[in-house]
C-alpha atoms as a PDB file:
ATOM      1  CA  MET A   1       0.000   0.000   0.000  1.00  0.00           C
ATOM      2  CA  GLY A   2       1.169   3.544  -0.703  1.00  0.00           C
ATOM      3  CA  ALA A   3       0.416   7.020   0.639  1.00  0.00           C
ATOM      4  CA  ILE A   4      -1.504   8.632  -2.228  1.00  0.00           C
ATOM      5  CA  VAL A   5      -2.685  12.227  -2.602  1.00  0.00           C
ATOM      6  CA  ARG A   6      -6.414  11.588  -2.450  1.00  0.00           C
ATOM      7  CA  GLY A   7      -7.774  15.133  -2.309  1.00  0.00           C
ATOM      8  CA  LEU A   8      -6.588  18.720  -2.774  1.00  0.00           C
ATOM      9  CA  GLY A   9      -8.164  21.951  -1.575  1.00  0.00           C
ATOM     10  CA  ILE A  10      -7.371  25.669  -1.589  1.00  0.00           C
ATOM     11  CA  HIS A  11      -8.711  28.864  -0.063  1.00  0.00           C
ATOM     12  CA  LEU A  12      -7.582  32.262  -1.359  1.00  0.00           C
ATOM     13  CA  PRO A  13      -8.280  35.783  -0.107  1.00  0.00           C
ATOM     14  CA  GLU A  14     -10.512  37.728  -2.506  1.00  0.00           C
ATOM     15  CA  ASN A  15      -8.267  40.807  -2.545  1.00  0.00           C
ATOM     16  CA  ILE A  16      -5.816  40.849  -5.477  1.00  0.00           C
ATOM     17  CA  LEU A  17      -2.716  43.038  -5.128  1.00  0.00           C
ATOM     18  CA  THR A  18      -1.285  43.809  -8.573  1.00  0.00           C
ATOM     19  CA  ASN A  19       2.066  45.218  -9.541  1.00  0.00           C
ATOM     20  CA  ALA A  20       0.246  48.406 -10.519  1.00  0.00           C
ATOM     21  CA  ASP A  21      -1.000  48.665  -6.926  1.00  0.00           C
ATOM     22  CA  LEU A  22       2.552  48.307  -5.624  1.00  0.00           C
ATOM     23  CA  GLU A  23       3.770  51.027  -7.975  1.00  0.00           C
ATOM     24  CA  ARG A  24       1.666  53.456  -5.953  1.00  0.00           C
ATOM     25  CA  THR A  25       3.203  52.528  -2.586  1.00  0.00           C
ATOM     26  CA  VAL A  26       6.858  51.658  -3.234  1.00  0.00           C
ATOM     27  CA  GLU A  27       9.518  52.624  -5.765  1.00  0.00           C
ATOM     28  CA  THR A  28       9.059  49.861  -8.333  1.00  0.00           C
ATOM     29  CA  SER A  29       7.365  49.065 -11.628  1.00  0.00           C
ATOM     30  CA  ASP A  30       5.505  46.216 -13.250  1.00  0.00           C
ATOM     31  CA  GLU A  31       8.406  45.677 -15.652  1.00  0.00           C
ATOM     32  CA  TRP A  32      10.955  45.587 -12.814  1.00  0.00           C
ATOM     33  CA  ILE A  33       8.918  43.059 -10.826  1.00  0.00           C
ATOM     34  CA  VAL A  34       8.033  40.785 -13.750  1.00  0.00           C
ATOM     35  CA  THR A  35      11.598  40.755 -15.096  1.00  0.00           C
ATOM     36  CA  ARG A  36      13.064  39.719 -11.742  1.00  0.00           C
ATOM     37  CA  THR A  37      10.329  37.505 -10.330  1.00  0.00           C
ATOM     38  CA  GLY A  38       7.714  36.665 -12.964  1.00  0.00           C
ATOM     39  CA  ILE A  39       5.005  37.799 -10.529  1.00  0.00           C
ATOM     40  CA  LYS A  40       2.077  39.872 -11.830  1.00  0.00           C
ATOM     41  CA  GLU A  41      -0.256  39.692  -8.829  1.00  0.00           C
ATOM     42  CA  ARG A  42      -0.758  38.053  -5.465  1.00  0.00           C
ATOM     43  CA  ARG A  43      -3.676  37.483  -3.029  1.00  0.00           C
ATOM     44  CA  ILE A  44      -3.537  39.531   0.161  1.00  0.00           C
ATOM     45  CA  LEU A  45      -5.872  39.302   3.146  1.00  0.00           C
ATOM     46  CA  ALA A  46      -7.378  42.696   3.991  1.00  0.00           C
ATOM     47  CA  LYS A  47      -5.614  44.485   6.858  1.00  0.00           C
ATOM     48  CA  ASP A  48      -8.817  44.684   8.893  1.00  0.00           C
ATOM     49  CA  SER A  49      -9.815  41.062   8.276  1.00  0.00           C
ATOM     50  CA  PRO A  50     -10.372  38.998  11.444  1.00  0.00           C
ATOM     51  CA  LEU A  51      -9.332  35.811   9.644  1.00  0.00           C
ATOM     52  CA  THR A  52      -6.274  33.913  10.806  1.00  0.00           C
ATOM     53  CA  ALA A  53      -3.976  31.355   9.228  1.00  0.00           C
ATOM     54  CA  SER A  54      -6.086  28.514  10.592  1.00  0.00           C
ATOM     55  CA  ASP A  55      -9.190  29.929   8.890  1.00  0.00           C
ATOM     56  CA  LEU A  56      -7.502  29.719   5.487  1.00  0.00           C
ATOM     57  CA  GLY A  57      -6.066  26.294   6.306  1.00  0.00           C
ATOM     58  CA  ALA A  58      -9.355  24.908   7.615  1.00  0.00           C
ATOM     59  CA  ALA A  59     -11.295  26.013   4.523  1.00  0.00           C
ATOM     60  CA  ALA A  60      -8.688  24.384   2.259  1.00  0.00           C
ATOM     61  CA  ALA A  61      -8.671  21.215   4.370  1.00  0.00           C
ATOM     62  CA  LEU A  62     -12.458  20.866   4.220  1.00  0.00           C
ATOM     63  CA  GLN A  63     -12.363  21.175   0.441  1.00  0.00           C
ATOM     64  CA  ALA A  64      -9.664  18.501   0.216  1.00  0.00           C
ATOM     65  CA  LEU A  65     -11.729  16.172   2.418  1.00  0.00           C
ATOM     66  CA  GLN A  66     -14.872  16.791   0.381  1.00  0.00           C
ATOM     67  CA  LYS A  67     -13.066  15.990  -2.869  1.00  0.00           C
ATOM     68  CA  ALA A  68     -11.655  12.826  -1.360  1.00  0.00           C
ATOM     69  CA  GLY A  69     -14.994  11.770   0.126  1.00  0.00           C
ATOM     70  CA  VAL A  70     -13.439  11.391   3.574  1.00  0.00           C
ATOM     71  CA  ALA A  71     -15.142  12.552   6.778  1.00  0.00           C
ATOM     72  CA  PRO A  72     -13.202  14.811   9.185  1.00  0.00           C
ATOM     73  CA  GLY A  73     -13.584  12.211  11.917  1.00  0.00           C
ATOM     74  CA  ASP A  74     -11.596   9.712   9.842  1.00  0.00           C
ATOM     75  CA  VAL A  75      -8.480  11.902   9.718  1.00  0.00           C
ATOM     76  CA  GLY A  76      -5.689  10.497  11.867  1.00  0.00           C
ATOM     77  CA  ALA A  77      -3.276  13.436  11.835  1.00  0.00           C
ATOM     78  CA  ILE A  78      -3.008  17.069  10.736  1.00  0.00           C
ATOM     79  CA  ILE A  79       0.372  18.564   9.864  1.00  0.00           C
ATOM     80  CA  ALA A  80       0.428  22.317   9.279  1.00  0.00           C
ATOM     81  CA  GLY A  81       2.951  24.867   8.105  1.00  0.00           C
ATOM     82  CA  ALA A  82       2.344  28.491   9.097  1.00  0.00           C
ATOM     83  CA  ILE A  83       4.981  31.213   9.163  1.00  0.00           C
ATOM     84  CA  VAL A  84       2.463  33.471  10.942  1.00  0.00           C
ATOM     85  CA  PRO A  85       0.651  31.068  13.295  1.00  0.00           C
ATOM     86  CA  ASP A  86      -2.582  31.921  15.069  1.00  0.00           C
ATOM     87  CA  LYS A  87      -0.625  31.907  18.334  1.00  0.00           C
ATOM     88  CA  GLN A  88       2.914  30.989  19.380  1.00  0.00           C
ATOM     89  CA  PHE A  89       1.206  27.935  20.844  1.00  0.00           C
ATOM     90  CA  PRO A  90      -0.880  25.848  20.609  1.00  0.00           C
ATOM     91  CA  ALA A  91      -0.143  24.682  17.093  1.00  0.00           C
ATOM     92  CA  THR A  92      -2.109  26.206  14.230  1.00  0.00           C
ATOM     93  CA  ALA A  93      -2.863  22.588  13.271  1.00  0.00           C
ATOM     94  CA  CYS A  94      -4.842  22.289  16.532  1.00  0.00           C
ATOM     95  CA  PHE A  95      -7.012  25.266  15.566  1.00  0.00           C
ATOM     96  CA  ILE A  96      -7.562  23.690  12.148  1.00  0.00           C
ATOM     97  CA  GLN A  97      -8.506  20.410  13.816  1.00  0.00           C
ATOM     98  CA  GLU A  98     -11.178  22.135  15.895  1.00  0.00           C
ATOM     99  CA  LYS A  99     -12.558  24.162  12.973  1.00  0.00           C
ATOM    100  CA  ILE A 100     -13.010  21.154  10.690  1.00  0.00           C
ATOM    101  CA  GLY A 101     -14.216  18.781  13.410  1.00  0.00           C
ATOM    102  CA  ALA A 102     -11.383  16.246  13.090  1.00  0.00           C
ATOM    103  CA  LYS A 103     -11.827  15.049  16.664  1.00  0.00           C
ATOM    104  CA  ASN A 104      -9.797  11.872  16.225  1.00  0.00           C
ATOM    105  CA  ALA A 105      -6.695  13.498  14.747  1.00  0.00           C
ATOM    106  CA  PHE A 106      -3.518  14.491  16.535  1.00  0.00           C
ATOM    107  CA  ALA A 107      -2.205  17.794  15.230  1.00  0.00           C
ATOM    108  CA  PHE A 108       1.135  19.581  15.095  1.00  0.00           C
ATOM    109  CA  ASP A 109       3.016  22.289  13.196  1.00  0.00           C
ATOM    110  CA  ILE A 110       6.337  22.063  11.416  1.00  0.00           C
ATOM    111  CA  THR A 111       8.704  25.019  11.052  1.00  0.00           C
ATOM    112  CA  ALA A 112      10.384  24.597   7.702  1.00  0.00           C
ATOM    113  CA  ALA A 113       8.976  27.762   6.089  1.00  0.00           C
ATOM    114  CA  CYS A 114       8.655  27.341   2.309  1.00  0.00           C
ATOM    115  CA  ALA A 115       9.849  23.725   2.516  1.00  0.00           C
ATOM    116  CA  GLY A 116       7.038  22.902   4.936  1.00  0.00           C
ATOM    117  CA  PHE A 117       4.843  20.996   2.499  1.00  0.00           C
ATOM    118  CA  VAL A 118       7.631  18.706   1.286  1.00  0.00           C
ATOM    119  CA  TYR A 119       8.583  17.969   4.889  1.00  0.00           C
ATOM    120  CA  GLY A 120       4.916  17.394   5.730  1.00  0.00           C
ATOM    121  CA  VAL A 121       4.373  14.956   2.861  1.00  0.00           C
ATOM    122  CA  ASN A 122       7.393  12.947   4.022  1.00  0.00           C
ATOM    123  CA  LEU A 123       6.016  12.737   7.563  1.00  0.00           C
ATOM    124  CA  ALA A 124       2.489  11.926   6.364  1.00  0.00           C
ATOM    125  CA  SER A 125       3.704   9.108   4.137  1.00  0.00           C
ATOM    126  CA  LEU A 126       5.685   7.591   7.016  1.00  0.00           C
ATOM    127  CA  LEU A 127       2.631   7.729   9.304  1.00  0.00           C
ATOM    128  CA  ILE A 128       0.565   5.972   6.651  1.00  0.00           C
ATOM    129  CA  ASP A 129       3.228   3.438   5.670  1.00  0.00           C
ATOM    130  CA  SER A 130       3.703   2.468   9.329  1.00  0.00           C
ATOM    131  CA  GLY A 131      -0.010   1.809   9.739  1.00  0.00           C
ATOM    132  CA  GLN A 132      -0.430   4.509  12.393  1.00  0.00           C
ATOM    133  CA  CYS A 133      -2.819   6.557  10.246  1.00  0.00           C
ATOM    134  CA  GLU A 134      -5.052   5.904   7.259  1.00  0.00           C
ATOM    135  CA  HIS A 135      -5.626   9.568   6.382  1.00  0.00           C
ATOM    136  CA  VAL A 136      -3.325  12.545   7.045  1.00  0.00           C
ATOM    137  CA  LEU A 137      -3.925  16.194   6.167  1.00  0.00           C
ATOM    138  CA  VAL A 138      -0.910  18.299   5.170  1.00  0.00           C
ATOM    139  CA  VAL A 139      -1.851  21.979   5.247  1.00  0.00           C
ATOM    140  CA  GLY A 140      -0.108  25.202   4.276  1.00  0.00           C
ATOM    141  CA  ALA A 141      -1.791  28.155   6.025  1.00  0.00           C
ATOM    142  CA  GLU A 142       0.085  31.329   5.209  1.00  0.00           C
ATOM    143  CA  LEU A 143      -0.532  35.002   6.010  1.00  0.00           C
ATOM    144  CA  LEU A 144       2.785  36.388   4.814  1.00  0.00           C
ATOM    145  CA  SER A 145       1.353  39.865   4.255  1.00  0.00           C
ATOM    146  CA  ARG A 146       1.296  40.248   8.044  1.00  0.00           C
ATOM    147  CA  VAL A 147       5.114  40.089   8.262  1.00  0.00           C
ATOM    148  CA  VAL A 148       6.188  41.760   5.014  1.00  0.00           C
ATOM    149  CA  ASP A 149       8.047  45.065   5.177  1.00  0.00           C
ATOM    150  CA  TRP A 150       5.901  47.054   2.760  1.00  0.00           C
ATOM    151  CA  THR A 151       8.663  49.666   2.375  1.00  0.00           C
ATOM    152  CA  ASP A 152      11.199  47.126   1.101  1.00  0.00           C
ATOM    153  CA  ARG A 153      10.701  46.662  -2.626  1.00  0.00           C
ATOM    154  CA  ASN A 154      13.004  43.634  -2.691  1.00  0.00           C
ATOM    155  CA  THR A 155      10.703  41.558  -0.482  1.00  0.00           C
ATOM    156  CA  CYS A 156       7.202  43.071  -0.469  1.00  0.00           C
ATOM    157  CA  ILE A 157       6.747  42.262  -4.163  1.00  0.00           C
ATOM    158  CA  LEU A 158       7.292  38.542  -3.595  1.00  0.00           C
ATOM    159  CA  PHE A 159       4.784  37.270  -1.078  1.00  0.00           C
ATOM    160  CA  GLY A 160       1.091  36.431  -0.974  1.00  0.00           C
ATOM    161  CA  ASP A 161      -1.464  34.801   1.335  1.00  0.00           C
ATOM    162  CA  ALA A 162      -3.133  31.431   0.774  1.00  0.00           C
ATOM    163  CA  GLY A 163      -4.421  28.266   2.340  1.00  0.00           C
ATOM    164  CA  ALA A 164      -3.881  24.937   0.576  1.00  0.00           C
ATOM    165  CA  ALA A 165      -4.189  21.346   1.715  1.00  0.00           C
ATOM    166  CA  ALA A 166      -3.595  17.798   0.569  1.00  0.00           C
ATOM    167  CA  LEU A 167      -5.194  14.694   2.056  1.00  0.00           C
ATOM    168  CA  LEU A 168      -2.836  11.735   1.915  1.00  0.00           C
ATOM    169  CA  SER A 169      -4.458   8.331   2.317  1.00  0.00           C
ATOM    170  CA  ARG A 170      -3.555   4.672   2.189  1.00  0.00           C
ATOM    171  CA  GLY A 171      -3.900   3.624  -1.438  1.00  0.00           C
ATOM    172  CA  PRO A 172      -3.171   0.821  -3.878  1.00  0.00           C
ATOM    173  CA  GLN A 173       0.257  -0.709  -4.295  1.00  0.00           C
ATOM    174  CA  GLY A 174       2.359   0.932  -6.979  1.00  0.00           C
ATOM    175  CA  ARG A 175       0.980   4.432  -6.343  1.00  0.00           C
ATOM    176  CA  GLY A 176       1.767   7.179  -3.866  1.00  0.00           C
ATOM    177  CA  VAL A 177       4.901   8.601  -2.269  1.00  0.00           C
ATOM    178  CA  MET A 178       7.802   6.501  -3.495  1.00  0.00           C
ATOM    179  CA  ARG A 179      10.701   8.332  -1.904  1.00  0.00           C
ATOM    180  CA  SER A 180      11.500  11.509   0.016  1.00  0.00           C
ATOM    181  CA  LEU A 181      14.830  13.180   0.644  1.00  0.00           C
ATOM    182  CA  LEU A 182      15.177  16.089   3.078  1.00  0.00           C
ATOM    183  CA  ARG A 183      18.114  18.386   3.762  1.00  0.00           C
ATOM    184  CA  SER A 184      18.937  21.292   6.111  1.00  0.00           C
ATOM    185  CA  ASP A 185      21.907  23.545   6.760  1.00  0.00           C
ATOM    186  CA  GLY A 186      21.665  25.918   9.714  1.00  0.00           C
ATOM    187  CA  ALA A 187      24.819  27.717   8.582  1.00  0.00           C
ATOM    188  CA  PHE A 188      22.536  29.644   6.199  1.00  0.00           C
ATOM    189  CA  ALA A 189      19.949  30.625   8.828  1.00  0.00           C
ATOM    190  CA  ASP A 190      20.773  34.317   8.454  1.00  0.00           C
ATOM    191  CA  ILE A 191      20.004  34.638   4.732  1.00  0.00           C
ATOM    192  CA  LEU A 192      16.231  34.230   5.175  1.00  0.00           C
ATOM    193  CA  TYR A 193      14.513  34.694   8.523  1.00  0.00           C
ATOM    194  CA  LEU A 194      11.771  36.277  10.601  1.00  0.00           C
ATOM    195  CA  ASN A 195      12.521  37.491  14.111  1.00  0.00           C
ATOM    196  CA  ASN A 196      10.173  36.600  16.967  1.00  0.00           C
ATOM    197  CA  ILE A 197       6.860  38.400  16.693  1.00  0.00           C
ATOM    198  CA  GLY A 198       7.083  41.565  18.772  1.00  0.00           C
ATOM    199  CA  GLU A 199      10.876  41.623  18.609  1.00  0.00           C
ATOM    200  CA  ALA A 200      12.516  44.600  16.923  1.00  0.00           C
ATOM    201  CA  ALA A 201      13.440  44.001  13.303  1.00  0.00           C
ATOM    202  CA  GLY A 202      17.038  44.794  14.169  1.00  0.00           C
ATOM    203  CA  ASP A 203      17.809  47.033  11.218  1.00  0.00           C
ATOM    204  CA  THR A 204      14.819  49.349  11.651  1.00  0.00           C
ATOM    205  CA  ALA A 205      15.340  51.551  14.698  1.00  0.00           C
ATOM    206  CA  GLY A 206      12.330  51.716  16.957  1.00  0.00           C
ATOM    207  CA  ASP A 207      10.208  49.328  14.869  1.00  0.00           C
ATOM    208  CA  PRO A 208       8.631  46.792  17.261  1.00  0.00           C
ATOM    209  CA  LYS A 209       7.245  44.652  14.472  1.00  0.00           C
ATOM    210  CA  ALA A 210       9.319  41.777  13.145  1.00  0.00           C
ATOM    211  CA  THR A 211       9.394  41.521   9.351  1.00  0.00           C
ATOM    212  CA  MET A 212      10.958  39.037   6.971  1.00  0.00           C
ATOM    213  CA  ARG A 213      14.580  39.616   6.006  1.00  0.00           C
ATOM    214  CA  MET A 214      16.226  38.031   2.998  1.00  0.00           C
ATOM    215  CA  ASP A 215      19.572  38.062   1.223  1.00  0.00           C
ATOM    216  CA  GLY A 216      18.057  37.556  -2.216  1.00  0.00           C
ATOM    217  CA  LYS A 217      21.252  36.816  -4.151  1.00  0.00           C
ATOM    218  CA  HIS A 218      22.406  34.237  -1.615  1.00  0.00           C
ATOM    219  CA  VAL A 219      18.978  32.590  -1.463  1.00  0.00           C
ATOM    220  CA  PHE A 220      18.811  32.431  -5.266  1.00  0.00           C
ATOM    221  CA  LYS A 221      22.192  30.719  -5.557  1.00  0.00           C
ATOM    222  CA  LEU A 222      21.468  28.171  -2.834  1.00  0.00           C
ATOM    223  CA  ALA A 223      17.947  27.473  -4.084  1.00  0.00           C
ATOM    224  CA  VAL A 224      19.007  26.676  -7.636  1.00  0.00           C
ATOM    225  CA  GLY A 225      21.907  24.450  -6.649  1.00  0.00           C
ATOM    226  CA  ALA A 226      20.302  22.686  -3.691  1.00  0.00           C
ATOM    227  CA  VAL A 227      16.906  21.972  -5.250  1.00  0.00           C
ATOM    228  CA  SER A 228      18.258  20.725  -8.568  1.00  0.00           C
ATOM    229  CA  GLN A 229      20.660  18.425  -6.698  1.00  0.00           C
ATOM    230  CA  VAL A 230      18.083  17.033  -4.263  1.00  0.00           C
ATOM    231  CA  VAL A 231      15.741  16.251  -7.178  1.00  0.00           C
ATOM    232  CA  ARG A 232      18.559  14.382  -8.929  1.00  0.00           C
ATOM    233  CA  ASP A 233      19.509  12.546  -5.740  1.00  0.00           C
ATOM    234  CA  THR A 234      15.924  11.499  -4.980  1.00  0.00           C
ATOM    235  CA  LEU A 235      15.446  10.146  -8.495  1.00  0.00           C
ATOM    236  CA  ALA A 236      18.823   8.369  -8.374  1.00  0.00           C
ATOM    237  CA  LEU A 237      17.722   6.439  -5.279  1.00  0.00           C
ATOM    238  CA  GLU A 238      15.024   4.934  -7.508  1.00  0.00           C
ATOM    239  CA  GLY A 239      17.479   4.388 -10.372  1.00  0.00           C
ATOM    240  CA  LEU A 240      15.937   7.211 -12.417  1.00  0.00           C
ATOM    241  CA  GLU A 241      17.080  10.321 -14.260  1.00  0.00           C
ATOM    242  CA  PRO A 242      15.258  13.694 -14.377  1.00  0.00           C
ATOM    243  CA  GLU A 243      13.872  12.888 -17.830  1.00  0.00           C
ATOM    244  CA  ALA A 244      11.700  10.211 -16.167  1.00  0.00           C
ATOM    245  CA  LEU A 245       9.599  12.914 -14.507  1.00  0.00           C
ATOM    246  CA  ASP A 246       6.217  13.644 -16.049  1.00  0.00           C
ATOM    247  CA  LEU A 247       5.751  16.803 -13.977  1.00  0.00           C
ATOM    248  CA  LEU A 248       7.893  18.775 -11.516  1.00  0.00           C
ATOM    249  CA  VAL A 249       5.952  20.915  -9.051  1.00  0.00           C
ATOM    250  CA  MET A 250       8.313  23.209  -7.174  1.00  0.00           C
ATOM    251  CA  HIS A 251       7.782  25.798  -4.473  1.00  0.00           C
ATOM    252  CA  GLN A 252       6.703  28.900  -6.386  1.00  0.00           C
ATOM    253  CA  ALA A 253       9.219  31.477  -5.175  1.00  0.00           C
ATOM    254  CA  ASN A 254      10.542  33.213  -8.256  1.00  0.00           C
ATOM    255  CA  ILE A 255      10.287  32.471 -11.989  1.00  0.00           C
ATOM    256  CA  ARG A 256      14.035  32.860 -12.436  1.00  0.00           C
ATOM    257  CA  ILE A 257      14.685  30.206  -9.783  1.00  0.00           C
ATOM    258  CA  LEU A 258      12.137  27.848 -11.348  1.00  0.00           C
ATOM    259  CA  ASN A 259      13.569  28.326 -14.839  1.00  0.00           C
ATOM    260  CA  ALA A 260      17.158  27.891 -13.653  1.00  0.00           C
ATOM    261  CA  ILE A 261      16.325  24.608 -11.883  1.00  0.00           C
ATOM    262  CA  ALA A 262      14.398  23.321 -14.894  1.00  0.00           C
ATOM    263  CA  GLU A 263      17.391  24.164 -17.100  1.00  0.00           C
ATOM    264  CA  LYS A 264      19.807  22.341 -14.794  1.00  0.00           C
ATOM    265  CA  LEU A 265      17.544  19.284 -14.911  1.00  0.00           C
ATOM    266  CA  ALA A 266      17.025  19.619 -18.686  1.00  0.00           C
ATOM    267  CA  LEU A 267      13.242  19.596 -18.241  1.00  0.00           C
ATOM    268  CA  PRO A 268      11.051  21.118 -20.974  1.00  0.00           C
ATOM    269  CA  GLU A 269       8.448  23.752 -20.179  1.00  0.00           C
ATOM    270  CA  ASP A 270       5.536  21.310 -20.333  1.00  0.00           C
ATOM    271  CA  LYS A 271       7.047  19.266 -17.490  1.00  0.00           C
ATOM    272  CA  VAL A 272       7.243  22.177 -15.042  1.00  0.00           C
ATOM    273  CA  MET A 273       4.191  23.586 -13.247  1.00  0.00           C
ATOM    274  CA  ILE A 274       4.262  27.370 -12.843  1.00  0.00           C
ATOM    275  CA  ASN A 275       1.661  29.660 -11.277  1.00  0.00           C
ATOM    276  CA  VAL A 276       3.902  32.085  -9.374  1.00  0.00           C
ATOM    277  CA  ASN A 277       2.761  34.810 -11.774  1.00  0.00           C
ATOM    278  CA  ARG A 278      -0.712  34.885 -10.175  1.00  0.00           C
ATOM    279  CA  TYR A 279      -0.018  34.135  -6.512  1.00  0.00           C
ATOM    280  CA  GLY A 280       3.581  35.038  -5.728  1.00  0.00           C
ATOM    281  CA  ASN A 281       5.394  33.165  -2.978  1.00  0.00           C
ATOM    282  CA  THR A 282       2.836  31.575  -0.634  1.00  0.00           C
ATOM    283  CA  SER A 283       5.412  29.564   1.325  1.00  0.00           C
ATOM    284  CA  SER A 284       4.152  26.127   2.437  1.00  0.00           C
ATOM    285  CA  ALA A 285       0.864  26.648   0.558  1.00  0.00           C
ATOM    286  CA  SER A 286       2.533  27.057  -2.826  1.00  0.00           C
ATOM    287  CA  ILE A 287       3.068  23.395  -3.801  1.00  0.00           C
ATOM    288  CA  PRO A 288      -0.449  22.172  -2.885  1.00  0.00           C
ATOM    289  CA  LEU A 289      -1.861  25.287  -4.602  1.00  0.00           C
ATOM    290  CA  ALA A 290       0.140  24.453  -7.732  1.00  0.00           C
ATOM    291  CA  LEU A 291      -0.914  20.783  -7.519  1.00  0.00           C
ATOM    292  CA  TYR A 292      -4.559  21.831  -7.238  1.00  0.00           C
ATOM    293  CA  GLU A 293      -4.303  23.936 -10.387  1.00  0.00           C
ATOM    294  CA  ALA A 294      -2.335  21.258 -12.250  1.00  0.00           C
ATOM    295  CA  GLU A 295      -5.137  18.797 -11.464  1.00  0.00           C
ATOM    296  CA  GLN A 296      -7.774  21.290 -12.608  1.00  0.00           C
ATOM    297  CA  GLU A 297      -5.870  21.768 -15.870  1.00  0.00           C
ATOM    298  CA  GLY A 298      -5.695  18.012 -16.503  1.00  0.00           C
ATOM    299  CA  ARG A 299      -1.930  17.888 -16.085  1.00  0.00           C
ATOM    300  CA  LEU A 300      -2.060  15.180 -13.394  1.00  0.00           C
ATOM    301  CA  LYS A 301      -3.085  11.694 -14.441  1.00  0.00           C
ATOM    302  CA  PRO A 302      -2.875   8.316 -12.643  1.00  0.00           C
ATOM    303  CA  GLY A 303       0.490   6.662 -13.114  1.00  0.00           C
ATOM    304  CA  MET A 304       2.411   9.871 -13.785  1.00  0.00           C
ATOM    305  CA  LEU A 305       5.752  10.347 -12.023  1.00  0.00           C
ATOM    306  CA  VAL A 306       5.563  13.665 -10.155  1.00  0.00           C
ATOM    307  CA  GLY A 307       8.338  15.438  -8.290  1.00  0.00           C
ATOM    308  CA  LEU A 308       7.636  17.903  -5.470  1.00  0.00           C
ATOM    309  CA  ALA A 309      10.563  20.108  -4.461  1.00  0.00           C
ATOM    310  CA  ALA A 310      11.090  23.145  -2.256  1.00  0.00           C
ATOM    311  CA  VAL A 311      13.612  25.218  -0.357  1.00  0.00           C
ATOM    312  CA  GLY A 312      12.882  27.450   2.618  1.00  0.00           C
ATOM    313  CA  GLY A 313      14.312  29.126   5.692  1.00  0.00           C
ATOM    314  CA  GLY A 314      16.629  27.055   7.782  1.00  0.00           C
ATOM    315  CA  MET A 315      17.891  26.699   5.181  1.00  0.00           C
ATOM    316  CA  SER A 316      15.770  23.591   4.595  1.00  0.00           C
ATOM    317  CA  TRP A 317      14.998  21.824   1.342  1.00  0.00           C
ATOM    318  CA  GLY A 318      13.816  18.520  -0.020  1.00  0.00           C
ATOM    319  CA  CYS A 319      12.015  16.462  -2.630  1.00  0.00           C
ATOM    320  CA  ASN A 320       9.142  13.966  -2.705  1.00  0.00           C
ATOM    321  CA  LEU A 321       8.813  11.531  -5.584  1.00  0.00           C
ATOM    322  CA  VAL A 322       5.183  10.523  -6.134  1.00  0.00           C
ATOM    323  CA  ARG A 323       3.558   7.997  -8.458  1.00  0.00           C
ATOM    324  CA  TRP A 324       0.255   9.789  -9.029  1.00  0.00           C
END
């Protein structure tokens, strides 16, 4: 038996922030943003909205369960990624559990930032393979707009808000998560980080609000090299080459990163899923959001070999190889 992706769900804020909108608040332009990132727009939760990360995650999780035809009470575990959690504790996954009525699930968060979904899929597949759970929800619940420095044109253009979820379930032999490979290197912790909420940003005198900080050039270099290598290594463990992939779904951070990785792996355009242009970087929600759209577009079919790959703060990165 394998751990298959049985259902996908998403929940997006209605408010669309375009590059034209950003031109009015920060020194930038649509051409500058598109050339460097490929992003045209992103979804942003309204500043006065009472919604939290768990609200977005719960709505996405319920949709995934409905598509899979699985009742909330049958879920054995909920794994959530949330850069801006509802509270420092308990886990955002616990709030999601309560909101969807998954009374029989244990719930916990993982802190791997943009690599959260890949880490979560690895953990979910192990729980299912061991027989501990039959159904596991992996949820990305991200409100990045709450911790973006809207005066920094190098970062505020990149991020968006979203909830996305995948239900992994025990499935037939020959399908599901075949292999996962995870990596971390804390030596790079200072190139992408968010200080504790309420702690001064450090480089903004008197600002009590923590905001994301990123060394873009360093992140770009590490992302391209690390992700392309971990995809190769994961495939090699199954005796395969990159050309065996039918579709590669990467964390949607930046079009230049995605294109550079695809080039290193010699993958044609039709084998790489891209939707960063419409949503920006939604951290742990980006891969399940991209999977949802790939399924809607008919790009995912049973038996296809699908790679999931991401890199995030830590730095942490990894790859899941899935027989769809």
